[in-house]
Amino acid sequence: MLAVVELGGNQFMVQKGDIIEVKKQDIEVGKKMSVEAMLIAGVDGSDVKIGTPVISGSKVEFKVLDQKKGEKVRVFKMKAKKRYMRNRGFRPSVTQLEVLSIA
């Protein structure tokens, strides 16, 4: 089964066993969390259920694998012909999740 879920303001298409990285969630490593799905479909595209905005009674379970920092994001500012340049960067906090089940 495929499911579309919204976590941290972003939408992810997931299957059982997938590992995804989302914006930081306030859950301890090793704990489980569940979210309602926005769309559920069979792998071949059959049996599609679409929510408005979520499917009531649906449940996608995740297990928190890790809380870590993501890849560095560069923030570069420049004003043409003024000799103004700023180059900064930061590493956002991310949560790594594994999909346990889709119902």
PDB file of N, CA and C in Angstrom:
ATOM      1  N   MET A   1       0.833  -1.190   0.000  1.00  0.00           N
ATOM      2  CA  MET A   1       0.000   0.000   0.000  1.00  0.00           C
ATOM      3  C   MET A   1       0.871   1.244   0.000  1.00  0.00           C
ATOM      4  N   LEU A   2       0.368   2.268  -0.646  1.00  0.00           N
ATOM      5  CA  LEU A   2       0.994   3.580  -0.649  1.00  0.00           C
ATOM      6  C   LEU A   2       0.135   4.526   0.168  1.00  0.00           C
ATOM      7  N   ALA A   3       0.770   5.490   0.810  1.00  0.00           N
ATOM      8  CA  ALA A   3       0.030   6.503   1.553  1.00  0.00           C
ATOM      9  C   ALA A   3       0.747   7.833   1.406  1.00  0.00           C
ATOM     10  N   VAL A   4      -0.044   8.902   1.400  1.00  0.00           N
ATOM     11  CA  VAL A   4       0.508  10.255   1.404  1.00  0.00           C
ATOM     12  C   VAL A   4       0.187  10.850   2.765  1.00  0.00           C
ATOM     13  N   VAL A   5       1.232  11.287   3.481  1.00  0.00           N
ATOM     14  CA  VAL A   5       1.058  11.862   4.815  1.00  0.00           C
ATOM     15  C   VAL A   5       1.700  13.242   4.850  1.00  0.00           C
ATOM     16  N   GLU A   6       1.226  14.062   5.778  1.00  0.00           N
ATOM     17  CA  GLU A   6       1.801  15.391   5.959  1.00  0.00           C
ATOM     18  C   GLU A   6       2.502  15.437   7.314  1.00  0.00           C
ATOM     19  N   LEU A   7       3.792  15.746   7.282  1.00  0.00           N
ATOM     20  CA  LEU A   7       4.596  15.869   8.502  1.00  0.00           C
ATOM     21  C   LEU A   7       5.481  17.102   8.387  1.00  0.00           C
ATOM     22  N   GLY A   8       5.418  17.968   9.360  1.00  0.00           N
ATOM     23  CA  GLY A   8       6.281  19.142   9.363  1.00  0.00           C
ATOM     24  C   GLY A   8       6.014  20.099   8.223  1.00  0.00           C
ATOM     25  N   GLY A   9       4.783  20.149   7.724  1.00  0.00           N
ATOM     26  CA  GLY A   9       4.450  21.055   6.637  1.00  0.00           C
ATOM     27  C   GLY A   9       4.774  20.525   5.258  1.00  0.00           C
ATOM     28  N   ASN A  10       5.321  19.334   5.156  1.00  0.00           N
ATOM     29  CA  ASN A  10       5.646  18.715   3.868  1.00  0.00           C
ATOM     30  C   ASN A  10       4.854  17.434   3.707  1.00  0.00           C
ATOM     31  N   GLN A  11       4.597  17.051   2.449  1.00  0.00           N
ATOM     32  CA  GLN A  11       3.876  15.824   2.168  1.00  0.00           C
ATOM     33  C   GLN A  11       4.850  14.768   1.664  1.00  0.00           C
ATOM     34  N   PHE A  12       4.663  13.535   2.129  1.00  0.00           N
ATOM     35  CA  PHE A  12       5.543  12.430   1.767  1.00  0.00           C
ATOM     36  C   PHE A  12       4.711  11.253   1.278  1.00  0.00           C
ATOM     37  N   MET A  13       5.163  10.592   0.202  1.00  0.00           N
ATOM     38  CA  MET A  13       4.534   9.366  -0.266  1.00  0.00           C
ATOM     39  C   MET A  13       5.356   8.219   0.305  1.00  0.00           C
ATOM     40  N   VAL A  14       4.716   7.351   1.104  1.00  0.00           N
ATOM     41  CA  VAL A  14       5.443   6.313   1.828  1.00  0.00           C
ATOM     42  C   VAL A  14       4.830   4.938   1.594  1.00  0.00           C
ATOM     43  N   GLN A  15       5.658   3.915   1.762  1.00  0.00           N
ATOM     44  CA  GLN A  15       5.246   2.518   1.772  1.00  0.00           C
ATOM     45  C   GLN A  15       5.769   1.904   3.057  1.00  0.00           C
ATOM     46  N   LYS A  16       5.286   0.718   3.386  1.00  0.00           N
ATOM     47  CA  LYS A  16       5.768   0.024   4.574  1.00  0.00           C
ATOM     48  C   LYS A  16       7.256  -0.277   4.402  1.00  0.00           C
ATOM     49  N   GLY A  17       8.050   0.045   5.419  1.00  0.00           N
ATOM     50  CA  GLY A  17       9.484  -0.207   5.388  1.00  0.00           C
ATOM     51  C   GLY A  17      10.317   0.974   4.931  1.00  0.00           C
ATOM     52  N   ASP A  18       9.694   2.034   4.400  1.00  0.00           N
ATOM     53  CA  ASP A  18      10.441   3.216   3.955  1.00  0.00           C
ATOM     54  C   ASP A  18      11.043   3.952   5.144  1.00  0.00           C
ATOM     55  N   ILE A  19      12.168   4.612   4.894  1.00  0.00           N
ATOM     56  CA  ILE A  19      12.805   5.465   5.891  1.00  0.00           C
ATOM     57  C   ILE A  19      12.844   6.866   5.308  1.00  0.00           C
ATOM     58  N   ILE A  20      12.259   7.833   6.038  1.00  0.00           N
ATOM     59  CA  ILE A  20      12.200   9.211   5.549  1.00  0.00           C
ATOM     60  C   ILE A  20      12.793  10.153   6.588  1.00  0.00           C
ATOM     61  N   GLU A  21      13.224  11.331   6.125  1.00  0.00           N
ATOM     62  CA  GLU A  21      13.719  12.378   7.011  1.00  0.00           C
ATOM     63  C   GLU A  21      12.771  13.557   6.919  1.00  0.00           C
ATOM     64  N   VAL A  22      12.270  13.994   8.072  1.00  0.00           N
ATOM     65  CA  VAL A  22      11.317  15.103   8.132  1.00  0.00           C
ATOM     66  C   VAL A  22      11.871  16.179   9.061  1.00  0.00           C
ATOM     67  N   LYS A  23      11.229  17.351   9.055  1.00  0.00           N
ATOM     68  CA  LYS A  23      11.618  18.396   9.990  1.00  0.00           C
ATOM     69  C   LYS A  23      11.474  17.857  11.412  1.00  0.00           C
ATOM     70  N   LYS A  24      12.235  18.422  12.330  1.00  0.00           N
ATOM     71  CA  LYS A  24      12.313  17.908  13.697  1.00  0.00           C
ATOM     72  C   LYS A  24      10.938  17.744  14.340  1.00  0.00           C
ATOM     73  N   GLN A  25      10.698  16.544  14.854  1.00  0.00           N
ATOM     74  CA  GLN A  25       9.498  16.211  15.621  1.00  0.00           C
ATOM     75  C   GLN A  25       9.918  16.000  17.077  1.00  0.00           C
ATOM     76  N   ASP A  26       9.115  16.458  18.016  1.00  0.00           N
ATOM     77  CA  ASP A  26       9.457  16.353  19.436  1.00  0.00           C
ATOM     78  C   ASP A  26       9.043  14.995  19.994  1.00  0.00           C
ATOM     79  N   ILE A  27       9.739  13.946  19.557  1.00  0.00           N
ATOM     80  CA  ILE A  27       9.478  12.580  20.020  1.00  0.00           C
ATOM     81  C   ILE A  27      10.823  11.914  20.265  1.00  0.00           C
ATOM     82  N   GLU A  28      10.921  11.144  21.336  1.00  0.00           N
ATOM     83  CA  GLU A  28      12.178  10.489  21.679  1.00  0.00           C
ATOM     84  C   GLU A  28      12.505   9.359  20.704  1.00  0.00           C
ATOM     85  N   VAL A  29      13.806   9.065  20.590  1.00  0.00           N
ATOM     86  CA  VAL A  29      14.272   7.985  19.717  1.00  0.00           C
ATOM     87  C   VAL A  29      13.761   6.652  20.259  1.00  0.00           C
ATOM     88  N   GLY A  30      13.244   5.812  19.371  1.00  0.00           N
ATOM     89  CA  GLY A  30      12.712   4.511  19.751  1.00  0.00           C
ATOM     90  C   GLY A  30      11.209   4.499  19.977  1.00  0.00           C
ATOM     91  N   LYS A  31      10.601   5.673  20.143  1.00  0.00           N
ATOM     92  CA  LYS A  31       9.151   5.752  20.360  1.00  0.00           C
ATOM     93  C   LYS A  31       8.415   5.622  19.026  1.00  0.00           C
ATOM     94  N   LYS A  32       7.121   5.339  19.102  1.00  0.00           N
ATOM     95  CA  LYS A  32       6.277   5.238  17.917  1.00  0.00           C
ATOM     96  C   LYS A  32       5.333   6.430  17.856  1.00  0.00           C
ATOM     97  N   MET A  33       4.943   6.796  16.641  1.00  0.00           N
ATOM     98  CA  MET A  33       3.957   7.854  16.445  1.00  0.00           C
ATOM     99  C   MET A  33       3.042   7.450  15.297  1.00  0.00           C
ATOM    100  N   SER A  34       1.836   7.991  15.275  1.00  0.00           N
ATOM    101  CA  SER A  34       0.915   7.679  14.185  1.00  0.00           C
ATOM    102  C   SER A  34       0.308   8.967  13.652  1.00  0.00           C
ATOM    103  N   VAL A  35      -0.004   8.949  12.353  1.00  0.00           N
ATOM    104  CA  VAL A  35      -0.542  10.103  11.646  1.00  0.00           C
ATOM    105  C   VAL A  35      -1.664   9.611  10.738  1.00  0.00           C
ATOM    106  N   GLU A  36      -2.671  10.451  10.515  1.00  0.00           N
ATOM    107  CA  GLU A  36      -3.728  10.102   9.568  1.00  0.00           C
ATOM    108  C   GLU A  36      -3.230  10.373   8.151  1.00  0.00           C
ATOM    109  N   ALA A  37      -3.642   9.540   7.210  1.00  0.00           N
ATOM    110  CA  ALA A  37      -3.201   9.657   5.819  1.00  0.00           C
ATOM    111  C   ALA A  37      -4.114  10.591   5.035  1.00  0.00           C
ATOM    112  N   MET A  38      -3.531  11.277   4.042  1.00  0.00           N
ATOM    113  CA  MET A  38      -4.296  12.134   3.151  1.00  0.00           C
ATOM    114  C   MET A  38      -4.801  11.352   1.944  1.00  0.00           C
ATOM    115  N   LEU A  39      -4.065  10.296   1.572  1.00  0.00           N
ATOM    116  CA  LEU A  39      -4.431   9.461   0.435  1.00  0.00           C
ATOM    117  C   LEU A  39      -3.884   8.070   0.683  1.00  0.00           C
ATOM    118  N   ILE A  40      -4.663   7.056   0.343  1.00  0.00           N
ATOM    119  CA  ILE A  40      -4.203   5.673   0.441  1.00  0.00           C
ATOM    120  C   ILE A  40      -4.548   4.987  -0.876  1.00  0.00           C
ATOM    121  N   ALA A  41      -3.588   4.228  -1.419  1.00  0.00           N
ATOM    122  CA  ALA A  41      -3.812   3.511  -2.671  1.00  0.00           C
ATOM    123  C   ALA A  41      -3.050   2.204  -2.649  1.00  0.00           C
ATOM    124  N   GLY A  42      -3.487   1.269  -3.492  1.00  0.00           N
ATOM    125  CA  GLY A  42      -2.747   0.026  -3.680  1.00  0.00           C
ATOM    126  C   GLY A  42      -1.487   0.311  -4.483  1.00  0.00           C
ATOM    127  N   VAL A  43      -0.534  -0.598  -4.457  1.00  0.00           N
ATOM    128  CA  VAL A  43       0.743  -0.394  -5.146  1.00  0.00           C
ATOM    129  C   VAL A  43       0.535  -0.236  -6.653  1.00  0.00           C
ATOM    130  N   ASP A  44      -0.424  -0.964  -7.217  1.00  0.00           N
ATOM    131  CA  ASP A  44      -0.666  -0.891  -8.661  1.00  0.00           C
ATOM    132  C   ASP A  44      -1.622   0.247  -9.033  1.00  0.00           C
ATOM    133  N   GLY A  45      -2.030   1.078  -8.073  1.00  0.00           N
ATOM    134  CA  GLY A  45      -2.905   2.214  -8.348  1.00  0.00           C
ATOM    135  C   GLY A  45      -4.384   1.914  -8.174  1.00  0.00           C
ATOM    136  N   SER A  46      -4.707   0.726  -7.730  1.00  0.00           N
ATOM    137  CA  SER A  46      -6.114   0.376  -7.518  1.00  0.00           C
ATOM    138  C   SER A  46      -6.523   0.714  -6.091  1.00  0.00           C
ATOM    139  N   ASP A  47      -7.811   0.712  -5.843  1.00  0.00           N
ATOM    140  CA  ASP A  47      -8.360   0.936  -4.503  1.00  0.00           C
ATOM    141  C   ASP A  47      -7.870   2.249  -3.903  1.00  0.00           C
ATOM    142  N   VAL A  48      -8.125   3.359  -4.589  1.00  0.00           N
ATOM    143  CA  VAL A  48      -7.666   4.678  -4.148  1.00  0.00           C
ATOM    144  C   VAL A  48      -8.705   5.309  -3.238  1.00  0.00           C
ATOM    145  N   LYS A  49      -8.251   5.820  -2.092  1.00  0.00           N
ATOM    146  CA  LYS A  49      -9.106   6.563  -1.168  1.00  0.00           C
ATOM    147  C   LYS A  49      -8.468   7.935  -0.980  1.00  0.00           C
ATOM    148  N   ILE A  50      -9.262   8.982  -1.191  1.00  0.00           N
ATOM    149  CA  ILE A  50      -8.762  10.346  -1.068  1.00  0.00           C
ATOM    150  C   ILE A  50      -9.511  11.031   0.059  1.00  0.00           C
ATOM    151  N   GLY A  51      -8.776  11.703   0.944  1.00  0.00           N
ATOM    152  CA  GLY A  51      -9.377  12.379   2.082  1.00  0.00           C
ATOM    153  C   GLY A  51      -9.641  13.842   1.805  1.00  0.00           C
ATOM    154  N   THR A  52     -10.451  14.456   2.663  1.00  0.00           N
ATOM    155  CA  THR A  52     -10.743  15.888   2.547  1.00  0.00           C
ATOM    156  C   THR A  52     -10.590  16.553   3.894  1.00  0.00           C
ATOM    157  N   PRO A  53      -9.475  16.916   4.423  1.00  0.00           N
ATOM    158  CA  PRO A  53      -8.127  16.715   3.894  1.00  0.00           C
ATOM    159  C   PRO A  53      -7.510  15.376   4.271  1.00  0.00           C
ATOM    160  N   VAL A  54      -8.013  14.705   5.319  1.00  0.00           N
ATOM    161  CA  VAL A  54      -7.451  13.401   5.690  1.00  0.00           C
ATOM    162  C   VAL A  54      -8.556  12.353   5.674  1.00  0.00           C
ATOM    163  N   ILE A  55      -8.158  11.091   5.578  1.00  0.00           N
ATOM    164  CA  ILE A  55      -9.106   9.985   5.608  1.00  0.00           C
ATOM    165  C   ILE A  55      -9.366   9.642   7.071  1.00  0.00           C
ATOM    166  N   SER A  56     -10.609   9.795   7.512  1.00  0.00           N
ATOM    167  CA  SER A  56     -10.912   9.505   8.912  1.00  0.00           C
ATOM    168  C   SER A  56     -10.783   8.005   9.159  1.00  0.00           C
ATOM    169  N   GLY A  57     -10.138   7.660  10.243  1.00  0.00           N
ATOM    170  CA  GLY A  57      -9.942   6.253  10.589  1.00  0.00           C
ATOM    171  C   GLY A  57      -8.674   5.651  10.009  1.00  0.00           C
ATOM    172  N   SER A  58      -7.999   6.375   9.127  1.00  0.00           N
ATOM    173  CA  SER A  58      -6.748   5.846   8.571  1.00  0.00           C
ATOM    174  C   SER A  58      -5.622   6.055   9.581  1.00  0.00           C
ATOM    175  N   LYS A  59      -4.583   5.256   9.449  1.00  0.00           N
ATOM    176  CA  LYS A  59      -3.495   5.333  10.424  1.00  0.00           C
ATOM    177  C   LYS A  59      -2.197   4.869   9.772  1.00  0.00           C
ATOM    178  N   VAL A  60      -1.176   5.717   9.834  1.00  0.00           N
ATOM    179  CA  VAL A  60       0.157   5.359   9.364  1.00  0.00           C
ATOM    180  C   VAL A  60       1.070   5.435  10.576  1.00  0.00           C
ATOM    181  N   GLU A  61       1.697   4.319  10.942  1.00  0.00           N
ATOM    182  CA  GLU A  61       2.552   4.266  12.130  1.00  0.00           C
ATOM    183  C   GLU A  61       4.012   4.413  11.740  1.00  0.00           C
ATOM    184  N   PHE A  62       4.734   5.223  12.520  1.00  0.00           N
ATOM    185  CA  PHE A  62       6.161   5.460  12.320  1.00  0.00           C
ATOM    186  C   PHE A  62       6.921   5.112  13.585  1.00  0.00           C
ATOM    187  N   LYS A  63       8.188   4.742  13.415  1.00  0.00           N
ATOM    188  CA  LYS A  63       9.098   4.547  14.540  1.00  0.00           C
ATOM    189  C   LYS A  63      10.233   5.546  14.368  1.00  0.00           C
ATOM    190  N   VAL A  64      10.565   6.268  15.437  1.00  0.00           N
ATOM    191  CA  VAL A  64      11.636   7.270  15.378  1.00  0.00           C
ATOM    192  C   VAL A  64      12.976   6.549  15.473  1.00  0.00           C
ATOM    193  N   LEU A  65      13.775   6.669  14.413  1.00  0.00           N
ATOM    194  CA  LEU A  65      15.086   6.024  14.383  1.00  0.00           C
ATOM    195  C   LEU A  65      16.195   6.919  14.910  1.00  0.00           C
ATOM    196  N   ASP A  66      16.121   8.231  14.605  1.00  0.00           N
ATOM    197  CA  ASP A  66      17.234   9.105  14.962  1.00  0.00           C
ATOM    198  C   ASP A  66      16.786  10.562  14.956  1.00  0.00           C
ATOM    199  N   GLN A  67      17.404  11.366  15.814  1.00  0.00           N
ATOM    200  CA  GLN A  67      17.283  12.821  15.800  1.00  0.00           C
ATOM    201  C   GLN A  67      18.677  13.337  15.465  1.00  0.00           C
ATOM    202  N   LYS A  68      18.825  14.044  14.358  1.00  0.00           N
ATOM    203  CA  LYS A  68      20.157  14.476  13.947  1.00  0.00           C
ATOM    204  C   LYS A  68      20.085  15.781  13.184  1.00  0.00           C
ATOM    205  N   LYS A  69      21.239  16.238  12.729  1.00  0.00           N
ATOM    206  CA  LYS A  69      21.304  17.435  11.902  1.00  0.00           C
ATOM    207  C   LYS A  69      21.383  17.025  10.449  1.00  0.00           C
ATOM    208  N   GLY A  70      20.712  17.795   9.585  1.00  0.00           N
ATOM    209  CA  GLY A  70      20.672  17.488   8.161  1.00  0.00           C
ATOM    210  C   GLY A  70      21.868  18.064   7.421  1.00  0.00           C
ATOM    211  N   GLU A  71      21.773  18.040   6.103  1.00  0.00           N
ATOM    212  CA  GLU A  71      22.818  18.594   5.251  1.00  0.00           C
ATOM    213  C   GLU A  71      22.861  20.109   5.412  1.00  0.00           C
ATOM    214  N   LYS A  72      24.041  20.683   5.200  1.00  0.00           N
ATOM    215  CA  LYS A  72      24.214  22.114   5.339  1.00  0.00           C
ATOM    216  C   LYS A  72      23.468  22.850   4.229  1.00  0.00           C
ATOM    217  N   VAL A  73      22.779  23.927   4.619  1.00  0.00           N
ATOM    218  CA  VAL A  73      22.059  24.777   3.680  1.00  0.00           C
ATOM    219  C   VAL A  73      22.807  26.097   3.598  1.00  0.00           C
ATOM    220  N   ARG A  74      23.191  26.509   2.387  1.00  0.00           N
ATOM    221  CA  ARG A  74      23.897  27.775   2.200  1.00  0.00           C
ATOM    222  C   ARG A  74      22.902  28.896   1.971  1.00  0.00           C
ATOM    223  N   VAL A  75      23.140  30.020   2.641  1.00  0.00           N
ATOM    224  CA  VAL A  75      22.330  31.220   2.449  1.00  0.00           C
ATOM    225  C   VAL A  75      23.275  32.294   1.945  1.00  0.00           C
ATOM    226  N   PHE A  76      23.122  32.674   0.676  1.00  0.00           N
ATOM    227  CA  PHE A  76      24.027  33.629   0.047  1.00  0.00           C
ATOM    228  C   PHE A  76      23.232  34.857  -0.365  1.00  0.00           C
ATOM    229  N   LYS A  77      23.685  36.040   0.101  1.00  0.00           N
ATOM    230  CA  LYS A  77      23.041  37.300  -0.262  1.00  0.00           C
ATOM    231  C   LYS A  77      24.042  38.139  -1.042  1.00  0.00           C
ATOM    232  N   MET A  78      23.548  38.867  -2.035  1.00  0.00           N
ATOM    233  CA  MET A  78      24.434  39.724  -2.804  1.00  0.00           C
ATOM    234  C   MET A  78      23.628  40.884  -3.377  1.00  0.00           C
ATOM    235  N   LYS A  79      24.237  42.069  -3.372  1.00  0.00           N
ATOM    236  CA  LYS A  79      23.649  43.221  -4.038  1.00  0.00           C
ATOM    237  C   LYS A  79      24.600  43.627  -5.149  1.00  0.00           C
ATOM    238  N   ALA A  80      24.070  43.651  -6.352  1.00  0.00           N
ATOM    239  CA  ALA A  80      24.907  43.915  -7.518  1.00  0.00           C
ATOM    240  C   ALA A  80      25.505  45.324  -7.474  1.00  0.00           C
ATOM    241  N   LYS A  81      26.745  45.437  -7.849  1.00  0.00           N
ATOM    242  CA  LYS A  81      27.478  46.706  -8.002  1.00  0.00           C
ATOM    243  C   LYS A  81      27.654  47.465  -6.699  1.00  0.00           C
ATOM    244  N   LYS A  82      27.464  46.844  -5.557  1.00  0.00           N
ATOM    245  CA  LYS A  82      27.616  47.515  -4.257  1.00  0.00           C
ATOM    246  C   LYS A  82      28.679  46.865  -3.383  1.00  0.00           C
ATOM    247  N   ARG A  83      29.341  45.814  -3.882  1.00  0.00           N
ATOM    248  CA  ARG A  83      30.364  45.076  -3.133  1.00  0.00           C
ATOM    249  C   ARG A  83      29.819  44.514  -1.819  1.00  0.00           C
ATOM    250  N   TYR A  84      28.577  44.086  -1.846  1.00  0.00           N
ATOM    251  CA  TYR A  84      27.953  43.500  -0.664  1.00  0.00           C
ATOM    252  C   TYR A  84      27.703  42.022  -0.920  1.00  0.00           C
ATOM    253  N   MET A  85      28.330  41.170  -0.121  1.00  0.00           N
ATOM    254  CA  MET A  85      28.106  39.730  -0.210  1.00  0.00           C
ATOM    255  C   MET A  85      28.136  39.140   1.195  1.00  0.00           C
ATOM    256  N   ARG A  86      27.208  38.256   1.468  1.00  0.00           N
ATOM    257  CA  ARG A  86      27.181  37.541   2.738  1.00  0.00           C
ATOM    258  C   ARG A  86      26.946  36.074   2.443  1.00  0.00           C
ATOM    259  N   ASN A  87      27.755  35.227   3.027  1.00  0.00           N
ATOM    260  CA  ASN A  87      27.606  33.787   2.847  1.00  0.00           C
ATOM    261  C   ASN A  87      27.495  33.150   4.226  1.00  0.00           C
ATOM    262  N   ARG A  88      26.331  32.635   4.539  1.00  0.00           N
ATOM    263  CA  ARG A  88      26.099  31.975   5.817  1.00  0.00           C
ATOM    264  C   ARG A  88      25.532  30.595   5.549  1.00  0.00           C
ATOM    265  N   GLY A  89      25.505  29.795   6.565  1.00  0.00           N
ATOM    266  CA  GLY A  89      24.943  28.464   6.411  1.00  0.00           C
ATOM    267  C   GLY A  89      24.447  27.949   7.744  1.00  0.00           C
ATOM    268  N   PHE A  90      23.623  26.927   7.674  1.00  0.00           N
ATOM    269  CA  PHE A  90      23.150  26.282   8.893  1.00  0.00           C
ATOM    270  C   PHE A  90      22.765  24.851   8.570  1.00  0.00           C
ATOM    271  N   ARG A  91      22.688  24.040   9.591  1.00  0.00           N
ATOM    272  CA  ARG A  91      22.287  22.642   9.447  1.00  0.00           C
ATOM    273  C   ARG A  91      20.988  22.445  10.208  1.00  0.00           C
ATOM    274  N   PRO A  92      19.877  22.224   9.495  1.00  0.00           N
ATOM    275  CA  PRO A  92      18.592  22.070  10.176  1.00  0.00           C
ATOM    276  C   PRO A  92      18.504  20.742  10.930  1.00  0.00           C
ATOM    277  N   SER A  93      17.744  20.733  12.006  1.00  0.00           N
ATOM    278  CA  SER A  93      17.506  19.497  12.757  1.00  0.00           C
ATOM    279  C   SER A  93      16.457  18.668  12.040  1.00  0.00           C
ATOM    280  N   VAL A  94      16.713  17.372  11.897  1.00  0.00           N
ATOM    281  CA  VAL A  94      15.776  16.477  11.216  1.00  0.00           C
ATOM    282  C   VAL A  94      15.522  15.242  12.072  1.00  0.00           C
ATOM    283  N   THR A  95      14.394  14.608  11.813  1.00  0.00           N
ATOM    284  CA  THR A  95      14.021  13.368  12.481  1.00  0.00           C
ATOM    285  C   THR A  95      13.935  12.286  11.420  1.00  0.00           C
ATOM    286  N   GLN A  96      14.564  11.141  11.684  1.00  0.00           N
ATOM    287  CA  GLN A  96      14.535  10.025  10.753  1.00  0.00           C
ATOM    288  C   GLN A  96      13.468   9.037  11.224  1.00  0.00           C
ATOM    289  N   LEU A  97      12.508   8.735  10.328  1.00  0.00           N
ATOM    290  CA  LEU A  97      11.375   7.873  10.668  1.00  0.00           C
ATOM    291  C   LEU A  97      11.335   6.646   9.764  1.00  0.00           C
ATOM    292  N   GLU A  98      10.874   5.523  10.326  1.00  0.00           N
ATOM    293  CA  GLU A  98      10.642   4.314   9.553  1.00  0.00           C
ATOM    294  C   GLU A  98       9.152   4.004   9.579  1.00  0.00           C
ATOM    295  N   VAL A  99       8.577   3.671   8.415  1.00  0.00           N
ATOM    296  CA  VAL A  99       7.158   3.357   8.319  1.00  0.00           C
ATOM    297  C   VAL A  99       6.948   1.912   8.771  1.00  0.00           C
ATOM    298  N   LEU A 100       6.128   1.728   9.817  1.00  0.00           N
ATOM    299  CA  LEU A 100       5.852   0.393  10.339  1.00  0.00           C
ATOM    300  C   LEU A 100       4.623  -0.239   9.697  1.00  0.00           C
ATOM    301  N   SER A 101       3.546   0.539   9.565  1.00  0.00           N
ATOM    302  CA  SER A 101       2.315  -0.019   8.994  1.00  0.00           C
ATOM    303  C   SER A 101       1.440   1.086   8.414  1.00  0.00           C
ATOM    304  N   ILE A 102       0.595   0.698   7.462  1.00  0.00           N
ATOM    305  CA  ILE A 102      -0.378   1.582   6.858  1.00  0.00           C
ATOM    306  C   ILE A 102      -1.738   0.901   6.955  1.00  0.00           C
ATOM    307  N   ALA A 103      -2.696   1.585   7.576  1.00  0.00           N
ATOM    308  CA  ALA A 103      -4.045   0.997   7.708  1.00  0.00           C
ATOM    309  C   ALA A 103      -5.099   2.033   7.393  1.00  0.00           C
TER     310      ALA A 103
END
